[in-house]
């Protein structure tokens, strides 16, 4: 799992690559933790290369969403593959995020 954050066009863009499973969640959370306090900027999470997400990965994304909403920001998930999108659909999280 590789997670990165960039600042582009006055928003944060996080990129997730690989499998966001329980083993990878600890390291990914450390990288993504600055997004918990988005300082009013919107957040885009690019999932083009995200192959799998476990409940621990969903927890990280929900924490990002809570922090963003508290600061007046929105979180968009971009380029979910069908398997990952199905996880969001089954958990009901598909209604929480702006999926583009």
PDB file of N, CA and C in Angstrom:
ATOM      1  N   UNK A   1       0.852  -1.170   0.000  1.00  0.00           N
ATOM      2  CA  UNK A   1       0.000   0.000   0.000  1.00  0.00           C
ATOM      3  C   UNK A   1       0.898   1.232   0.000  1.00  0.00           C
ATOM      4  N   UNK A   2       0.582   2.138  -0.892  1.00  0.00           N
ATOM      5  CA  UNK A   2       1.270   3.419  -0.952  1.00  0.00           C
ATOM      6  C   UNK A   2       0.207   4.504  -0.888  1.00  0.00           C
ATOM      7  N   UNK A   3       0.385   5.436   0.035  1.00  0.00           N
ATOM      8  CA  UNK A   3      -0.518   6.573   0.171  1.00  0.00           C
ATOM      9  C   UNK A   3       0.315   7.847   0.103  1.00  0.00           C
ATOM     10  N   UNK A   4      -0.153   8.814  -0.674  1.00  0.00           N
ATOM     11  CA  UNK A   4       0.529  10.097  -0.793  1.00  0.00           C
ATOM     12  C   UNK A   4      -0.483  11.221  -0.725  1.00  0.00           C
ATOM     13  N   UNK A   5      -0.001  12.410  -0.372  1.00  0.00           N
ATOM     14  CA  UNK A   5      -0.840  13.617  -0.354  1.00  0.00           C
ATOM     15  C   UNK A   5      -0.102  14.716  -1.109  1.00  0.00           C
ATOM     16  N   UNK A   6      -0.851  15.434  -1.939  1.00  0.00           N
ATOM     17  CA  UNK A   6      -0.334  16.604  -2.628  1.00  0.00           C
ATOM     18  C   UNK A   6      -1.328  17.746  -2.457  1.00  0.00           C
ATOM     19  N   UNK A   7      -0.832  18.971  -2.557  1.00  0.00           N
ATOM     20  CA  UNK A   7      -1.706  20.133  -2.603  1.00  0.00           C
ATOM     21  C   UNK A   7      -1.772  20.604  -4.043  1.00  0.00           C
ATOM     22  N   UNK A   8      -2.966  20.578  -4.630  1.00  0.00           N
ATOM     23  CA  UNK A   8      -3.181  21.007  -6.007  1.00  0.00           C
ATOM     24  C   UNK A   8      -4.425  21.877  -6.079  1.00  0.00           C
ATOM     25  N   UNK A   9      -4.311  23.031  -6.719  1.00  0.00           N
ATOM     26  CA  UNK A   9      -5.466  23.902  -6.940  1.00  0.00           C
ATOM     27  C   UNK A   9      -6.246  24.167  -5.662  1.00  0.00           C
ATOM     28  N   UNK A  10      -5.535  24.471  -4.599  1.00  0.00           N
ATOM     29  CA  UNK A  10      -6.137  24.812  -3.300  1.00  0.00           C
ATOM     30  C   UNK A  10      -6.983  23.685  -2.707  1.00  0.00           C
ATOM     31  N   UNK A  11      -6.634  22.452  -3.020  1.00  0.00           N
ATOM     32  CA  UNK A  11      -7.265  21.288  -2.400  1.00  0.00           C
ATOM     33  C   UNK A  11      -6.199  20.233  -2.151  1.00  0.00           C
ATOM     34  N   UNK A  12      -6.530  19.303  -1.301  1.00  0.00           N
ATOM     35  CA  UNK A  12      -5.631  18.181  -1.054  1.00  0.00           C
ATOM     36  C   UNK A  12      -6.040  17.013  -1.946  1.00  0.00           C
ATOM     37  N   UNK A  13      -5.049  16.381  -2.552  1.00  0.00           N
ATOM     38  CA  UNK A  13      -5.295  15.199  -3.369  1.00  0.00           C
ATOM     39  C   UNK A  13      -4.473  14.060  -2.774  1.00  0.00           C
ATOM     40  N   UNK A  14      -5.185  13.062  -2.268  1.00  0.00           N
ATOM     41  CA  UNK A  14      -4.536  11.868  -1.724  1.00  0.00           C
ATOM     42  C   UNK A  14      -4.660  10.762  -2.760  1.00  0.00           C
ATOM     43  N   UNK A  15      -3.591  10.012  -2.930  1.00  0.00           N
ATOM     44  CA  UNK A  15      -3.584   8.901  -3.869  1.00  0.00           C
ATOM     45  C   UNK A  15      -3.343   7.615  -3.096  1.00  0.00           C
ATOM     46  N   UNK A  16      -4.192   6.618  -3.339  1.00  0.00           N
ATOM     47  CA  UNK A  16      -4.069   5.318  -2.692  1.00  0.00           C
ATOM     48  C   UNK A  16      -3.743   4.273  -3.749  1.00  0.00           C
ATOM     49  N   UNK A  17      -2.694   3.488  -3.500  1.00  0.00           N
ATOM     50  CA  UNK A  17      -2.287   2.442  -4.447  1.00  0.00           C
ATOM     51  C   UNK A  17      -2.098   1.139  -3.691  1.00  0.00           C
ATOM     52  N   UNK A  18      -2.654   0.070  -4.218  1.00  0.00           N
ATOM     53  CA  UNK A  18      -2.482  -1.246  -3.615  1.00  0.00           C
ATOM     54  C   UNK A  18      -3.689  -1.663  -2.805  1.00  0.00           C
ATOM     55  N   UNK A  19      -3.433  -2.423  -1.747  1.00  0.00           N
ATOM     56  CA  UNK A  19      -4.497  -2.954  -0.891  1.00  0.00           C
ATOM     57  C   UNK A  19      -4.470  -2.253   0.461  1.00  0.00           C
ATOM     58  N   UNK A  20      -5.566  -1.594   0.787  1.00  0.00           N
ATOM     59  CA  UNK A  20      -5.693  -0.927   2.080  1.00  0.00           C
ATOM     60  C   UNK A  20      -6.346  -1.904   3.048  1.00  0.00           C
ATOM     61  N   UNK A  21      -5.560  -2.887   3.457  1.00  0.00           N
ATOM     62  CA  UNK A  21      -6.045  -3.907   4.380  1.00  0.00           C
ATOM     63  C   UNK A  21      -5.595  -3.554   5.797  1.00  0.00           C
ATOM     64  N   UNK A  22      -5.876  -4.424   6.734  1.00  0.00           N
ATOM     65  CA  UNK A  22      -5.561  -4.158   8.138  1.00  0.00           C
ATOM     66  C   UNK A  22      -4.067  -3.936   8.350  1.00  0.00           C
ATOM     67  N   UNK A  23      -3.248  -4.734   7.698  1.00  0.00           N
ATOM     68  CA  UNK A  23      -1.795  -4.604   7.857  1.00  0.00           C
ATOM     69  C   UNK A  23      -1.282  -3.268   7.326  1.00  0.00           C
ATOM     70  N   UNK A  24      -1.856  -2.781   6.246  1.00  0.00           N
ATOM     71  CA  UNK A  24      -1.395  -1.535   5.634  1.00  0.00           C
ATOM     72  C   UNK A  24      -2.023  -0.295   6.269  1.00  0.00           C
ATOM     73  N   UNK A  25      -3.084  -0.476   7.024  1.00  0.00           N
ATOM     74  CA  UNK A  25      -3.833   0.662   7.553  1.00  0.00           C
ATOM     75  C   UNK A  25      -3.024   1.522   8.507  1.00  0.00           C
ATOM     76  N   UNK A  26      -2.174   0.925   9.311  1.00  0.00           N
ATOM     77  CA  UNK A  26      -1.397   1.702  10.287  1.00  0.00           C
ATOM     78  C   UNK A  26      -0.486   2.697   9.567  1.00  0.00           C
ATOM     79  N   UNK A  27       0.236   2.226   8.577  1.00  0.00           N
ATOM     80  CA  UNK A  27       1.134   3.101   7.829  1.00  0.00           C
ATOM     81  C   UNK A  27       0.349   4.129   7.006  1.00  0.00           C
ATOM     82  N   UNK A  28      -0.715   3.693   6.363  1.00  0.00           N
ATOM     83  CA  UNK A  28      -1.527   4.607   5.567  1.00  0.00           C
ATOM     84  C   UNK A  28      -2.128   5.703   6.440  1.00  0.00           C
ATOM     85  N   UNK A  29      -2.550   5.349   7.640  1.00  0.00           N
ATOM     86  CA  UNK A  29      -3.136   6.351   8.535  1.00  0.00           C
ATOM     87  C   UNK A  29      -2.120   7.419   8.904  1.00  0.00           C
ATOM     88  N   UNK A  30      -0.878   7.035   9.123  1.00  0.00           N
ATOM     89  CA  UNK A  30       0.159   8.013   9.455  1.00  0.00           C
ATOM     90  C   UNK A  30       0.360   9.003   8.307  1.00  0.00           C
ATOM     91  N   UNK A  31       0.324   8.510   7.085  1.00  0.00           N
ATOM     92  CA  UNK A  31       0.479   9.384   5.920  1.00  0.00           C
ATOM     93  C   UNK A  31      -0.733  10.291   5.757  1.00  0.00           C
ATOM     94  N   UNK A  32      -1.925   9.749   5.948  1.00  0.00           N
ATOM     95  CA  UNK A  32      -3.168  10.478   5.686  1.00  0.00           C
ATOM     96  C   UNK A  32      -3.655  11.318   6.861  1.00  0.00           C
ATOM     97  N   UNK A  33      -3.062  11.155   8.026  1.00  0.00           N
ATOM     98  CA  UNK A  33      -3.524  11.846   9.235  1.00  0.00           C
ATOM     99  C   UNK A  33      -3.624  13.372   9.086  1.00  0.00           C
ATOM    100  N   UNK A  34      -2.726  14.017   8.333  1.00  0.00           N
ATOM    101  CA  UNK A  34      -2.896  15.469   8.161  1.00  0.00           C
ATOM    102  C   UNK A  34      -4.239  15.862   7.543  1.00  0.00           C
ATOM    103  N   UNK A  35      -4.880  14.958   6.834  1.00  0.00           N
ATOM    104  CA  UNK A  35      -6.174  15.261   6.224  1.00  0.00           C
ATOM    105  C   UNK A  35      -7.298  15.301   7.245  1.00  0.00           C
ATOM    106  N   UNK A  36      -7.058  14.797   8.448  1.00  0.00           N
ATOM    107  CA  UNK A  36      -8.082  14.844   9.493  1.00  0.00           C
ATOM    108  C   UNK A  36      -8.432  16.290   9.838  1.00  0.00           C
ATOM    109  N   UNK A  37      -7.492  17.198   9.585  1.00  0.00           N
ATOM    110  CA  UNK A  37      -7.699  18.634   9.826  1.00  0.00           C
ATOM    111  C   UNK A  37      -7.434  19.346   8.512  1.00  0.00           C
ATOM    112  N   UNK A  38      -8.405  19.385   7.652  1.00  0.00           N
ATOM    113  CA  UNK A  38      -8.209  19.841   6.273  1.00  0.00           C
ATOM    114  C   UNK A  38      -8.119  21.346   6.115  1.00  0.00           C
ATOM    115  N   UNK A  39      -8.242  22.108   7.148  1.00  0.00           N
ATOM    116  CA  UNK A  39      -8.162  23.577   7.162  1.00  0.00           C
ATOM    117  C   UNK A  39      -9.035  24.254   6.111  1.00  0.00           C
ATOM    118  N   UNK A  40     -10.198  23.679   5.847  1.00  0.00           N
ATOM    119  CA  UNK A  40     -11.155  24.290   4.936  1.00  0.00           C
ATOM    120  C   UNK A  40     -10.980  23.938   3.474  1.00  0.00           C
ATOM    121  N   UNK A  41      -9.922  23.246   3.136  1.00  0.00           N
ATOM    122  CA  UNK A  41      -9.717  22.835   1.745  1.00  0.00           C
ATOM    123  C   UNK A  41     -10.454  21.532   1.473  1.00  0.00           C
ATOM    124  N   UNK A  42     -10.984  21.408   0.277  1.00  0.00           N
ATOM    125  CA  UNK A  42     -11.623  20.160  -0.112  1.00  0.00           C
ATOM    126  C   UNK A  42     -10.564  19.082  -0.314  1.00  0.00           C
ATOM    127  N   UNK A  43     -10.997  17.843  -0.197  1.00  0.00           N
ATOM    128  CA  UNK A  43     -10.100  16.693  -0.303  1.00  0.00           C
ATOM    129  C   UNK A  43     -10.604  15.779  -1.415  1.00  0.00           C
ATOM    130  N   UNK A  44      -9.698  15.396  -2.292  1.00  0.00           N
ATOM    131  CA  UNK A  44      -9.981  14.410  -3.333  1.00  0.00           C
ATOM    132  C   UNK A  44      -9.118  13.196  -3.039  1.00  0.00           C
ATOM    133  N   UNK A  45      -9.731  12.035  -2.971  1.00  0.00           N
ATOM    134  CA  UNK A  45      -8.979  10.799  -2.757  1.00  0.00           C
ATOM    135  C   UNK A  45      -9.058   9.994  -4.044  1.00  0.00           C
ATOM    136  N   UNK A  46      -7.907   9.884  -4.702  1.00  0.00           N
ATOM    137  CA  UNK A  46      -7.824   9.186  -5.982  1.00  0.00           C
ATOM    138  C   UNK A  46      -7.612   7.698  -5.720  1.00  0.00           C
ATOM    139  N   UNK A  47      -8.575   6.902  -6.120  1.00  0.00           N
ATOM    140  CA  UNK A  47      -8.547   5.458  -5.878  1.00  0.00           C
ATOM    141  C   UNK A  47      -8.303   4.656  -7.154  1.00  0.00           C
ATOM    142  N   UNK A  48      -7.735   5.289  -8.165  1.00  0.00           N
ATOM    143  CA  UNK A  48      -7.498   4.623  -9.443  1.00  0.00           C
ATOM    144  C   UNK A  48      -6.758   3.301  -9.259  1.00  0.00           C
ATOM    145  N   UNK A  49      -5.744   3.306  -8.395  1.00  0.00           N
ATOM    146  CA  UNK A  49      -4.917   2.114  -8.200  1.00  0.00           C
ATOM    147  C   UNK A  49      -5.185   1.410  -6.873  1.00  0.00           C
ATOM    148  N   UNK A  50      -6.325   1.725  -6.232  1.00  0.00           N
ATOM    149  CA  UNK A  50      -6.707   1.032  -5.002  1.00  0.00           C
ATOM    150  C   UNK A  50      -7.395  -0.272  -5.389  1.00  0.00           C
ATOM    151  N   UNK A  51      -6.810  -1.376  -5.008  1.00  0.00           N
ATOM    152  CA  UNK A  51      -7.319  -2.690  -5.404  1.00  0.00           C
ATOM    153  C   UNK A  51      -8.301  -3.280  -4.404  1.00  0.00           C
ATOM    154  N   UNK A  52      -8.169  -2.905  -3.124  1.00  0.00           N
ATOM    155  CA  UNK A  52      -8.965  -3.529  -2.056  1.00  0.00           C
ATOM    156  C   UNK A  52      -9.004  -2.583  -0.873  1.00  0.00           C
ATOM    157  N   UNK A  53     -10.119  -2.580  -0.150  1.00  0.00           N
ATOM    158  CA  UNK A  53     -10.206  -1.801   1.085  1.00  0.00           C
ATOM    159  C   UNK A  53     -10.904  -2.643   2.147  1.00  0.00           C
ATOM    160  N   UNK A  54     -10.293  -2.715   3.325  1.00  0.00           N
ATOM    161  CA  UNK A  54     -10.850  -3.437   4.474  1.00  0.00           C
ATOM    162  C   UNK A  54     -11.532  -2.435   5.409  1.00  0.00           C
ATOM    163  N   UNK A  55     -12.168  -2.941   6.433  1.00  0.00           N
ATOM    164  CA  UNK A  55     -12.873  -2.072   7.381  1.00  0.00           C
ATOM    165  C   UNK A  55     -11.933  -1.063   8.034  1.00  0.00           C
ATOM    166  N   UNK A  56     -10.685  -1.438   8.255  1.00  0.00           N
ATOM    167  CA  UNK A  56      -9.732  -0.496   8.844  1.00  0.00           C
ATOM    168  C   UNK A  56      -9.448   0.663   7.884  1.00  0.00           C
ATOM    169  N   UNK A  57      -9.467   0.398   6.591  1.00  0.00           N
ATOM    170  CA  UNK A  57      -9.306   1.463   5.610  1.00  0.00           C
ATOM    171  C   UNK A  57     -10.528   2.355   5.546  1.00  0.00           C
ATOM    172  N   UNK A  58     -11.703   1.759   5.653  1.00  0.00           N
ATOM    173  CA  UNK A  58     -12.934   2.547   5.696  1.00  0.00           C
ATOM    174  C   UNK A  58     -12.944   3.472   6.912  1.00  0.00           C
ATOM    175  N   UNK A  59     -12.441   2.970   8.034  1.00  0.00           N
ATOM    176  CA  UNK A  59     -12.374   3.788   9.253  1.00  0.00           C
ATOM    177  C   UNK A  59     -11.515   5.030   9.025  1.00  0.00           C
ATOM    178  N   UNK A  60     -10.402   4.874   8.329  1.00  0.00           N
ATOM    179  CA  UNK A  60      -9.529   6.013   8.032  1.00  0.00           C
ATOM    180  C   UNK A  60     -10.274   7.041   7.181  1.00  0.00           C
ATOM    181  N   UNK A  61     -10.968   6.570   6.157  1.00  0.00           N
ATOM    182  CA  UNK A  61     -11.689   7.487   5.283  1.00  0.00           C
ATOM    183  C   UNK A  61     -12.824   8.201   6.015  1.00  0.00           C
ATOM    184  N   UNK A  62     -13.490   7.501   6.914  1.00  0.00           N
ATOM    185  CA  UNK A  62     -14.550   8.137   7.713  1.00  0.00           C
ATOM    186  C   UNK A  62     -13.948   9.198   8.633  1.00  0.00           C
ATOM    187  N   UNK A  63     -12.785   8.927   9.206  1.00  0.00           N
ATOM    188  CA  UNK A  63     -12.121   9.923  10.052  1.00  0.00           C
ATOM    189  C   UNK A  63     -11.754  11.164   9.248  1.00  0.00           C
ATOM    190  N   UNK A  64     -11.290  10.973   8.022  1.00  0.00           N
ATOM    191  CA  UNK A  64     -10.987  12.103   7.142  1.00  0.00           C
ATOM    192  C   UNK A  64     -12.264  12.888   6.859  1.00  0.00           C
ATOM    193  N   UNK A  65     -13.352  12.182   6.566  1.00  0.00           N
ATOM    194  CA  UNK A  65     -14.630  12.823   6.273  1.00  0.00           C
ATOM    195  C   UNK A  65     -15.131  13.634   7.467  1.00  0.00           C
ATOM    196  N   UNK A  66     -15.055  13.081   8.659  1.00  0.00           N
ATOM    197  CA  UNK A  66     -15.513  13.792   9.863  1.00  0.00           C
ATOM    198  C   UNK A  66     -14.720  15.067  10.073  1.00  0.00           C
ATOM    199  N   UNK A  67     -13.405  14.967   9.942  1.00  0.00           N
ATOM    200  CA  UNK A  67     -12.561  16.149  10.110  1.00  0.00           C
ATOM    201  C   UNK A  67     -12.835  17.199   9.043  1.00  0.00           C
ATOM    202  N   UNK A  68     -13.030  16.762   7.821  1.00  0.00           N
ATOM    203  CA  UNK A  68     -13.294  17.696   6.723  1.00  0.00           C
ATOM    204  C   UNK A  68     -14.618  18.427   6.943  1.00  0.00           C
ATOM    205  N   UNK A  69     -15.651  17.680   7.285  1.00  0.00           N
ATOM    206  CA  UNK A  69     -16.965  18.299   7.503  1.00  0.00           C
ATOM    207  C   UNK A  69     -16.918  19.302   8.647  1.00  0.00           C
ATOM    208  N   UNK A  70     -16.163  18.987   9.690  1.00  0.00           N
ATOM    209  CA  UNK A  70     -16.043  19.902  10.827  1.00  0.00           C
ATOM    210  C   UNK A  70     -15.367  21.210  10.425  1.00  0.00           C
ATOM    211  N   UNK A  71     -14.583  21.170   9.349  1.00  0.00           N
ATOM    212  CA  UNK A  71     -13.882  22.363   8.871  1.00  0.00           C
ATOM    213  C   UNK A  71     -14.514  22.951   7.614  1.00  0.00           C
ATOM    214  N   UNK A  72     -15.711  22.493   7.266  1.00  0.00           N
ATOM    215  CA  UNK A  72     -16.415  23.035   6.118  1.00  0.00           C
ATOM    216  C   UNK A  72     -15.910  22.548   4.769  1.00  0.00           C
ATOM    217  N   UNK A  73     -15.216  21.428   4.754  1.00  0.00           N
ATOM    218  CA  UNK A  73     -14.671  20.875   3.513  1.00  0.00           C
ATOM    219  C   UNK A  73     -15.506  19.686   3.059  1.00  0.00           C
ATOM    220  N   UNK A  74     -15.312  19.299   1.803  1.00  0.00           N
ATOM    221  CA  UNK A  74     -15.974  18.100   1.314  1.00  0.00           C
ATOM    222  C   UNK A  74     -14.912  17.112   0.856  1.00  0.00           C
ATOM    223  N   UNK A  75     -15.283  15.826   0.877  1.00  0.00           N
ATOM    224  CA  UNK A  75     -14.381  14.753   0.478  1.00  0.00           C
ATOM    225  C   UNK A  75     -14.977  14.045  -0.731  1.00  0.00           C
ATOM    226  N   UNK A  76     -14.191  13.940  -1.786  1.00  0.00           N
ATOM    227  CA  UNK A  76     -14.610  13.230  -2.993  1.00  0.00           C
ATOM    228  C   UNK A  76     -13.710  12.027  -3.203  1.00  0.00           C
ATOM    229  N   UNK A  77     -14.313  10.918  -3.569  1.00  0.00           N
ATOM    230  CA  UNK A  77     -13.563   9.720  -3.937  1.00  0.00           C
ATOM    231  C   UNK A  77     -13.622   9.602  -5.452  1.00  0.00           C
ATOM    232  N   UNK A  78     -12.472   9.407  -6.066  1.00  0.00           N
ATOM    233  CA  UNK A  78     -12.389   9.407  -7.519  1.00  0.00           C
ATOM    234  C   UNK A  78     -11.879   8.063  -8.033  1.00  0.00           C
ATOM    235  N   UNK A  79     -12.494   7.572  -9.089  1.00  0.00           N
ATOM    236  CA  UNK A  79     -12.027   6.393  -9.824  1.00  0.00           C
ATOM    237  C   UNK A  79     -12.032   5.099  -9.003  1.00  0.00           C
ATOM    238  N   UNK A  80     -13.130   4.840  -8.303  1.00  0.00           N
ATOM    239  CA  UNK A  80     -13.260   3.573  -7.577  1.00  0.00           C
ATOM    240  C   UNK A  80     -13.486   2.437  -8.566  1.00  0.00           C
ATOM    241  N   UNK A  81     -12.764   1.335  -8.393  1.00  0.00           N
ATOM    242  CA  UNK A  81     -13.055   0.179  -9.240  1.00  0.00           C
ATOM    243  C   UNK A  81     -14.343  -0.484  -8.737  1.00  0.00           C
ATOM    244  N   UNK A  82     -14.868  -1.414  -9.490  1.00  0.00           N
ATOM    245  CA  UNK A  82     -16.159  -2.018  -9.150  1.00  0.00           C
ATOM    246  C   UNK A  82     -16.137  -2.739  -7.805  1.00  0.00           C
ATOM    247  N   UNK A  83     -15.038  -3.425  -7.483  1.00  0.00           N
ATOM    248  CA  UNK A  83     -14.960  -4.156  -6.213  1.00  0.00           C
ATOM    249  C   UNK A  83     -14.963  -3.204  -5.022  1.00  0.00           C
ATOM    250  N   UNK A  84     -14.177  -2.144  -5.105  1.00  0.00           N
ATOM    251  CA  UNK A  84     -14.118  -1.168  -4.007  1.00  0.00           C
ATOM    252  C   UNK A  84     -15.449  -0.433  -3.901  1.00  0.00           C
ATOM    253  N   UNK A  85     -16.023  -0.070  -5.039  1.00  0.00           N
ATOM    254  CA  UNK A  85     -17.325   0.610  -5.024  1.00  0.00           C
ATOM    255  C   UNK A  85     -18.390  -0.281  -4.385  1.00  0.00           C
ATOM    256  N   UNK A  86     -18.311  -1.573  -4.625  1.00  0.00           N
ATOM    257  CA  UNK A  86     -19.259  -2.509  -4.030  1.00  0.00           C
ATOM    258  C   UNK A  86     -19.128  -2.544  -2.507  1.00  0.00           C
ATOM    259  N   UNK A  87     -17.907  -2.447  -1.983  1.00  0.00           N
ATOM    260  CA  UNK A  87     -17.707  -2.380  -0.532  1.00  0.00           C
ATOM    261  C   UNK A  87     -18.397  -1.137   0.023  1.00  0.00           C
ATOM    262  N   UNK A  88     -18.247  -0.011  -0.658  1.00  0.00           N
ATOM    263  CA  UNK A  88     -18.904   1.215  -0.212  1.00  0.00           C
ATOM    264  C   UNK A  88     -20.424   1.081  -0.286  1.00  0.00           C
ATOM    265  N   UNK A  89     -20.905   0.400  -1.308  1.00  0.00           N
ATOM    266  CA  UNK A  89     -22.346   0.206  -1.460  1.00  0.00           C
ATOM    267  C   UNK A  89     -22.883  -0.695  -0.344  1.00  0.00           C
ATOM    268  N   UNK A  90     -22.198  -1.810  -0.077  1.00  0.00           N
ATOM    269  CA  UNK A  90     -22.650  -2.765   0.946  1.00  0.00           C
ATOM    270  C   UNK A  90     -22.636  -2.174   2.349  1.00  0.00           C
ATOM    271  N   UNK A  91     -21.683  -1.292   2.621  1.00  0.00           N
ATOM    272  CA  UNK A  91     -21.578  -0.693   3.954  1.00  0.00           C
ATOM    273  C   UNK A  91     -22.455   0.549   4.114  1.00  0.00           C
ATOM    274  N   UNK A  92     -23.006   1.032   3.008  1.00  0.00           N
ATOM    275  CA  UNK A  92     -23.800   2.254   3.053  1.00  0.00           C
ATOM    276  C   UNK A  92     -22.955   3.508   2.993  1.00  0.00           C
ATOM    277  N   UNK A  93     -21.648   3.358   2.914  1.00  0.00           N
ATOM    278  CA  UNK A  93     -20.760   4.513   2.870  1.00  0.00           C
ATOM    279  C   UNK A  93     -20.855   5.255   1.545  1.00  0.00           C
ATOM    280  N   UNK A  94     -21.418   4.621   0.540  1.00  0.00           N
ATOM    281  CA  UNK A  94     -21.542   5.255  -0.769  1.00  0.00           C
ATOM    282  C   UNK A  94     -22.383   6.528  -0.681  1.00  0.00           C
ATOM    283  N   UNK A  95     -23.273   6.586   0.323  1.00  0.00           N
ATOM    284  CA  UNK A  95     -24.122   7.754   0.522  1.00  0.00           C
ATOM    285  C   UNK A  95     -23.434   8.866   1.306  1.00  0.00           C
ATOM    286  N   UNK A  96     -22.305   8.569   1.921  1.00  0.00           N
ATOM    287  CA  UNK A  96     -21.602   9.547   2.748  1.00  0.00           C
ATOM    288  C   UNK A  96     -20.604  10.388   1.951  1.00  0.00           C
ATOM    289  N   UNK A  97     -20.052   9.806   0.912  1.00  0.00           N
ATOM    290  CA  UNK A  97     -19.002  10.458   0.142  1.00  0.00           C
ATOM    291  C   UNK A  97     -19.527  10.913  -1.207  1.00  0.00           C
ATOM    292  N   UNK A  98     -18.878  11.934  -1.743  1.00  0.00           N
ATOM    293  CA  UNK A  98     -19.124  12.359  -3.114  1.00  0.00           C
ATOM    294  C   UNK A  98     -18.246  11.481  -3.998  1.00  0.00           C
ATOM    295  N   UNK A  99     -18.851  10.574  -4.752  1.00  0.00           N
ATOM    296  CA  UNK A  99     -18.101   9.624  -5.575  1.00  0.00           C
ATOM    297  C   UNK A  99     -18.170  10.097  -7.026  1.00  0.00           C
ATOM    298  N   UNK A 100     -16.982  10.378  -7.569  1.00  0.00           N
ATOM    299  CA  UNK A 100     -16.887  10.873  -8.954  1.00  0.00           C
ATOM    300  C   UNK A 100     -16.038   9.959  -9.792  1.00  0.00           C
TER     301      UNK A 100
END
